[in-house]
Amino acid sequence: MDDIQKNRVRLTHWINHNNEHLTGYVEMAGNLEGMGLNEAAEDVRRAISLVKAANHEFERALTILGGSVSEHGHDHAHGGHGHSHDHGHHHHSPHSHDADVKSKK
């Protein structure tokens, strides 16, 4: 695998990883709003916009490198081409920061 391919893999991973976190962020914003913590919910929603903007920039870089998230099927369902991918980074358990948040509930 050459350096261009390695960077495409990394960018694709970061995009998908950010998308995984976005789900939790959206849930948190809704929970905060439900508790009447509207200012905190808005802060989280602004952060969501920033993560989406970062992903947009990662996708632009990926395109420049000749790749696309959908083209490689790295959409966590690994759809489109029937084999799994091993990029040396796996989430066998929640991130430590996710566990910290859950333990404070």
N, C-alpha and C. Protein backbone atom coordinates (compact mmCIF):
# COMPACT_ATOMS: atom_id res chain seq x y z
N MET A 1 0.86 -1.17 0.00
CA MET A 1 0.00 0.00 0.00
C MET A 1 0.90 1.24 0.00
N ASP A 2 0.69 2.12 -0.97
CA ASP A 2 1.52 3.33 -1.03
C ASP A 2 0.97 4.41 -0.09
N ASP A 3 1.71 5.50 0.02
CA ASP A 3 1.33 6.57 0.96
C ASP A 3 -0.01 7.21 0.61
N ILE A 4 -0.31 7.34 -0.68
CA ILE A 4 -1.61 7.91 -1.08
C ILE A 4 -2.73 7.00 -0.57
N GLN A 5 -2.60 5.71 -0.79
CA GLN A 5 -3.62 4.76 -0.33
C GLN A 5 -3.75 4.80 1.19
N LYS A 6 -2.65 4.86 1.90
CA LYS A 6 -2.69 4.93 3.36
C LYS A 6 -3.44 6.16 3.83
N ASN A 7 -3.19 7.28 3.18
CA ASN A 7 -3.88 8.51 3.56
C ASN A 7 -5.36 8.45 3.21
N ARG A 8 -5.71 7.80 2.10
CA ARG A 8 -7.13 7.62 1.79
C ARG A 8 -7.81 6.78 2.86
N VAL A 9 -7.14 5.71 3.31
CA VAL A 9 -7.70 4.86 4.36
C VAL A 9 -7.88 5.66 5.64
N ARG A 10 -6.88 6.44 6.01
CA ARG A 10 -6.98 7.24 7.24
C ARG A 10 -8.12 8.25 7.16
N LEU A 11 -8.20 8.97 6.06
CA LEU A 11 -9.27 9.96 5.91
C LEU A 11 -10.64 9.29 5.97
N THR A 12 -10.78 8.17 5.28
CA THR A 12 -12.05 7.44 5.29
C THR A 12 -12.39 7.00 6.72
N HIS A 13 -11.41 6.51 7.43
CA HIS A 13 -11.64 6.09 8.82
C HIS A 13 -12.09 7.28 9.67
N TRP A 14 -11.42 8.40 9.54
CA TRP A 14 -11.78 9.57 10.33
C TRP A 14 -13.19 10.04 10.03
N ILE A 15 -13.57 10.03 8.76
CA ILE A 15 -14.93 10.43 8.38
C ILE A 15 -15.94 9.51 9.04
N ASN A 16 -15.73 8.22 8.93
CA ASN A 16 -16.67 7.26 9.51
C ASN A 16 -16.68 7.34 11.03
N HIS A 17 -15.52 7.52 11.61
CA HIS A 17 -15.41 7.62 13.07
C HIS A 17 -16.17 8.86 13.55
N ASN A 18 -15.99 9.99 12.87
CA ASN A 18 -16.73 11.19 13.23
C ASN A 18 -18.23 10.96 13.10
N ASN A 19 -18.65 10.25 12.05
CA ASN A 19 -20.08 9.98 11.87
C ASN A 19 -20.63 9.14 13.02
N GLU A 20 -19.84 8.18 13.51
CA GLU A 20 -20.27 7.40 14.66
C GLU A 20 -20.51 8.30 15.87
N HIS A 21 -19.59 9.22 16.10
CA HIS A 21 -19.74 10.14 17.24
C HIS A 21 -20.91 11.09 17.05
N LEU A 22 -21.16 11.51 15.82
CA LEU A 22 -22.27 12.44 15.58
C LEU A 22 -23.59 11.89 16.08
N THR A 23 -23.80 10.61 15.96
CA THR A 23 -25.03 10.00 16.46
C THR A 23 -25.19 10.26 17.95
N GLY A 24 -24.12 10.08 18.69
CA GLY A 24 -24.15 10.33 20.14
C GLY A 24 -24.34 11.80 20.46
N TYR A 25 -23.72 12.67 19.67
CA TYR A 25 -23.84 14.10 19.91
C TYR A 25 -25.29 14.57 19.71
N VAL A 26 -25.91 14.06 18.65
CA VAL A 26 -27.31 14.42 18.38
C VAL A 26 -28.20 13.94 19.54
N GLU A 27 -27.95 12.72 19.99
CA GLU A 27 -28.71 12.19 21.13
C GLU A 27 -28.52 13.06 22.36
N MET A 28 -27.28 13.46 22.62
CA MET A 28 -27.01 14.29 23.78
C MET A 28 -27.71 15.64 23.69
N ALA A 29 -27.68 16.26 22.52
CA ALA A 29 -28.36 17.55 22.34
C ALA A 29 -29.84 17.42 22.65
N GLY A 30 -30.45 16.36 22.16
CA GLY A 30 -31.87 16.14 22.45
C GLY A 30 -32.13 15.92 23.92
N ASN A 31 -31.26 15.14 24.57
CA ASN A 31 -31.41 14.90 26.01
C ASN A 31 -31.27 16.20 26.80
N LEU A 32 -30.28 17.00 26.44
CA LEU A 32 -30.08 18.27 27.14
C LEU A 32 -31.28 19.18 26.96
N GLU A 33 -31.78 19.24 25.74
CA GLU A 33 -32.96 20.06 25.48
C GLU A 33 -34.16 19.56 26.28
N GLY A 34 -34.29 18.23 26.34
CA GLY A 34 -35.39 17.64 27.12
C GLY A 34 -35.32 17.96 28.60
N MET A 35 -34.11 18.23 29.09
CA MET A 35 -33.93 18.60 30.49
C MET A 35 -34.02 20.11 30.70
N GLY A 36 -34.33 20.83 29.62
CA GLY A 36 -34.44 22.28 29.72
C GLY A 36 -33.10 23.00 29.66
N LEU A 37 -32.05 22.29 29.29
CA LEU A 37 -30.72 22.88 29.20
C LEU A 37 -30.45 23.31 27.76
N ASN A 38 -31.25 24.27 27.32
CA ASN A 38 -31.24 24.69 25.92
C ASN A 38 -29.92 25.29 25.48
N GLU A 39 -29.28 26.06 26.35
CA GLU A 39 -28.00 26.67 25.97
C GLU A 39 -26.94 25.60 25.73
N ALA A 40 -26.89 24.61 26.61
CA ALA A 40 -25.94 23.51 26.42
C ALA A 40 -26.29 22.72 25.17
N ALA A 41 -27.58 22.49 24.92
CA ALA A 41 -28.00 21.77 23.71
C ALA A 41 -27.55 22.52 22.45
N GLU A 42 -27.68 23.85 22.47
CA GLU A 42 -27.26 24.65 21.33
C GLU A 42 -25.74 24.57 21.14
N ASP A 43 -25.00 24.56 22.24
CA ASP A 43 -23.54 24.43 22.14
C ASP A 43 -23.17 23.10 21.48
N VAL A 44 -23.84 22.04 21.89
CA VAL A 44 -23.57 20.72 21.30
C VAL A 44 -23.96 20.74 19.82
N ARG A 45 -25.06 21.38 19.49
CA ARG A 45 -25.47 21.45 18.08
C ARG A 45 -24.47 22.25 17.24
N ARG A 46 -23.89 23.30 17.83
CA ARG A 46 -22.84 24.04 17.11
C ARG A 46 -21.63 23.13 16.89
N ALA A 47 -21.29 22.35 17.90
CA ALA A 47 -20.18 21.40 17.75
C ALA A 47 -20.48 20.38 16.65
N ILE A 48 -21.74 19.94 16.58
CA ILE A 48 -22.15 19.01 15.52
C ILE A 48 -21.88 19.63 14.15
N SER A 49 -22.22 20.89 14.00
CA SER A 49 -21.97 21.58 12.73
C SER A 49 -20.48 21.62 12.41
N LEU A 50 -19.65 21.83 13.42
CA LEU A 50 -18.20 21.86 13.21
C LEU A 50 -17.66 20.50 12.79
N VAL A 51 -18.17 19.44 13.42
CA VAL A 51 -17.72 18.09 13.04
C VAL A 51 -18.14 17.79 11.61
N LYS A 52 -19.37 18.18 11.25
CA LYS A 52 -19.82 17.98 9.87
C LYS A 52 -18.96 18.77 8.89
N ALA A 53 -18.57 19.98 9.28
CA ALA A 53 -17.71 20.80 8.43
C ALA A 53 -16.33 20.14 8.29
N ALA A 54 -15.82 19.59 9.38
CA ALA A 54 -14.53 18.89 9.32
C ALA A 54 -14.63 17.70 8.37
N ASN A 55 -15.71 16.94 8.48
CA ASN A 55 -15.90 15.80 7.58
C ASN A 55 -15.96 16.25 6.13
N HIS A 56 -16.60 17.37 5.89
CA HIS A 56 -16.67 17.89 4.52
C HIS A 56 -15.25 18.15 3.99
N GLU A 57 -14.41 18.74 4.82
CA GLU A 57 -13.03 19.01 4.40
C GLU A 57 -12.25 17.72 4.20
N PHE A 58 -12.46 16.73 5.09
CA PHE A 58 -11.81 15.42 4.92
C PHE A 58 -12.26 14.78 3.61
N GLU A 59 -13.56 14.90 3.29
CA GLU A 59 -14.08 14.33 2.05
C GLU A 59 -13.47 15.02 0.83
N ARG A 60 -13.28 16.34 0.92
CA ARG A 60 -12.63 17.07 -0.19
C ARG A 60 -11.20 16.57 -0.37
N ALA A 61 -10.47 16.41 0.74
CA ALA A 61 -9.10 15.91 0.65
C ALA A 61 -9.08 14.50 0.07
N LEU A 62 -10.03 13.67 0.51
CA LEU A 62 -10.12 12.30 0.01
C LEU A 62 -10.35 12.29 -1.51
N THR A 63 -11.21 13.17 -1.97
CA THR A 63 -11.48 13.27 -3.40
C THR A 63 -10.21 13.67 -4.17
N ILE A 64 -9.46 14.62 -3.62
CA ILE A 64 -8.21 15.04 -4.26
C ILE A 64 -7.24 13.86 -4.36
N LEU A 65 -7.28 12.98 -3.35
CA LEU A 65 -6.41 11.80 -3.36
C LEU A 65 -6.96 10.66 -4.21
N GLY A 66 -8.09 10.92 -4.88
CA GLY A 66 -8.65 9.94 -5.80
C GLY A 66 -9.58 8.93 -5.17
N GLY A 67 -10.07 9.22 -3.99
CA GLY A 67 -10.98 8.29 -3.32
C GLY A 67 -12.30 8.93 -2.99
N SER A 68 -13.20 8.11 -2.50
CA SER A 68 -14.48 8.59 -1.96
C SER A 68 -14.95 7.58 -0.93
N VAL A 69 -15.67 8.06 0.07
CA VAL A 69 -16.16 7.17 1.11
C VAL A 69 -17.06 6.10 0.52
N SER A 70 -18.01 6.49 -0.31
CA SER A 70 -18.96 5.52 -0.86
C SER A 70 -18.28 4.57 -1.84
N GLU A 71 -17.30 5.05 -2.57
CA GLU A 71 -16.60 4.22 -3.54
C GLU A 71 -15.93 3.03 -2.87
N HIS A 72 -15.36 3.27 -1.70
CA HIS A 72 -14.65 2.21 -1.00
C HIS A 72 -15.55 1.40 -0.08
N GLY A 73 -16.81 1.83 0.04
CA GLY A 73 -17.75 1.08 0.85
C GLY A 73 -17.45 1.13 2.33
N HIS A 74 -16.73 2.12 2.78
CA HIS A 74 -16.38 2.23 4.19
C HIS A 74 -17.49 2.94 4.95
N ASP A 75 -18.67 2.42 4.87
CA ASP A 75 -19.81 3.07 5.50
C ASP A 75 -20.29 2.26 6.70
N HIS A 76 -19.37 1.58 7.34
CA HIS A 76 -19.60 0.76 8.52
C HIS A 76 -20.54 -0.40 8.29
N ALA A 77 -21.28 -0.38 7.22
CA ALA A 77 -21.99 -1.59 6.84
C ALA A 77 -21.12 -2.38 5.88
N HIS A 78 -20.03 -1.75 5.44
CA HIS A 78 -19.12 -2.31 4.45
C HIS A 78 -19.89 -2.84 3.25
N GLY A 79 -20.86 -2.04 2.83
CA GLY A 79 -21.69 -2.45 1.71
C GLY A 79 -20.98 -2.27 0.38
N GLY A 80 -21.48 -2.96 -0.59
CA GLY A 80 -21.04 -2.71 -1.93
C GLY A 80 -20.02 -3.67 -2.48
N HIS A 81 -19.17 -4.30 -1.64
CA HIS A 81 -18.20 -5.16 -2.25
C HIS A 81 -17.87 -6.40 -1.45
N GLY A 82 -18.65 -6.73 -0.45
CA GLY A 82 -18.65 -8.06 0.13
C GLY A 82 -17.42 -8.54 0.84
N HIS A 83 -16.57 -7.65 1.31
CA HIS A 83 -15.48 -8.11 2.15
C HIS A 83 -15.19 -7.09 3.24
N SER A 84 -14.58 -7.58 4.30
CA SER A 84 -14.31 -6.69 5.42
C SER A 84 -12.97 -5.99 5.21
N HIS A 85 -12.75 -4.98 6.01
CA HIS A 85 -11.52 -4.21 5.93
C HIS A 85 -10.84 -4.23 7.28
N ASP A 86 -9.54 -4.39 7.27
CA ASP A 86 -8.76 -4.32 8.49
C ASP A 86 -7.72 -3.24 8.30
N HIS A 87 -7.96 -2.12 8.95
CA HIS A 87 -7.04 -1.01 8.83
C HIS A 87 -6.24 -0.82 10.10
N GLY A 88 -6.22 -1.84 10.97
CA GLY A 88 -5.39 -1.80 12.15
C GLY A 88 -5.94 -0.96 13.29
N HIS A 89 -7.19 -0.55 13.22
CA HIS A 89 -7.78 0.24 14.30
C HIS A 89 -9.21 -0.24 14.49
N HIS A 90 -9.47 -0.81 15.64
CA HIS A 90 -10.80 -1.35 15.88
C HIS A 90 -11.32 -0.88 17.22
N HIS A 91 -12.60 -0.79 17.33
CA HIS A 91 -13.25 -0.36 18.55
C HIS A 91 -13.94 -1.56 19.18
N HIS A 92 -13.18 -2.26 19.99
CA HIS A 92 -13.75 -3.43 20.65
C HIS A 92 -14.56 -3.04 21.88
N SER A 93 -14.30 -1.89 22.41
CA SER A 93 -15.05 -1.39 23.56
C SER A 93 -15.23 0.11 23.36
N PRO A 94 -16.14 0.70 24.12
CA PRO A 94 -16.36 2.14 23.98
C PRO A 94 -15.07 2.90 24.28
N HIS A 95 -14.96 4.09 23.71
CA HIS A 95 -13.83 4.95 24.03
C HIS A 95 -13.86 5.27 25.52
N SER A 96 -12.72 5.51 26.08
CA SER A 96 -12.67 5.84 27.50
C SER A 96 -13.50 7.08 27.80
N HIS A 97 -13.52 8.06 26.88
CA HIS A 97 -14.30 9.26 27.13
C HIS A 97 -15.79 8.97 27.07
N ASP A 98 -16.21 8.00 26.28
CA ASP A 98 -17.61 7.60 26.25
C ASP A 98 -18.00 6.92 27.55
N ALA A 99 -17.12 6.08 28.07
CA ALA A 99 -17.40 5.38 29.33
C ALA A 99 -17.47 6.37 30.47
N ASP A 100 -16.61 7.40 30.44
CA ASP A 100 -16.64 8.41 31.50
C ASP A 100 -17.97 9.12 31.53
N VAL A 101 -18.51 9.45 30.35
CA VAL A 101 -19.79 10.14 30.28
C VAL A 101 -20.89 9.24 30.81
N LYS A 102 -20.89 7.97 30.41
CA LYS A 102 -21.94 7.05 30.85
C LYS A 102 -21.87 6.83 32.35
N SER A 103 -20.66 6.77 32.93
CA SER A 103 -20.53 6.50 34.35
C SER A 103 -21.01 7.67 35.20
N LYS A 104 -21.10 8.87 34.61
CA LYS A 104 -21.54 10.05 35.35
C LYS A 104 -23.04 10.20 35.35
N LYS A 105 -23.75 9.32 34.63
CA LYS A 105 -25.22 9.41 34.56
C LYS A 105 -25.83 8.96 35.85
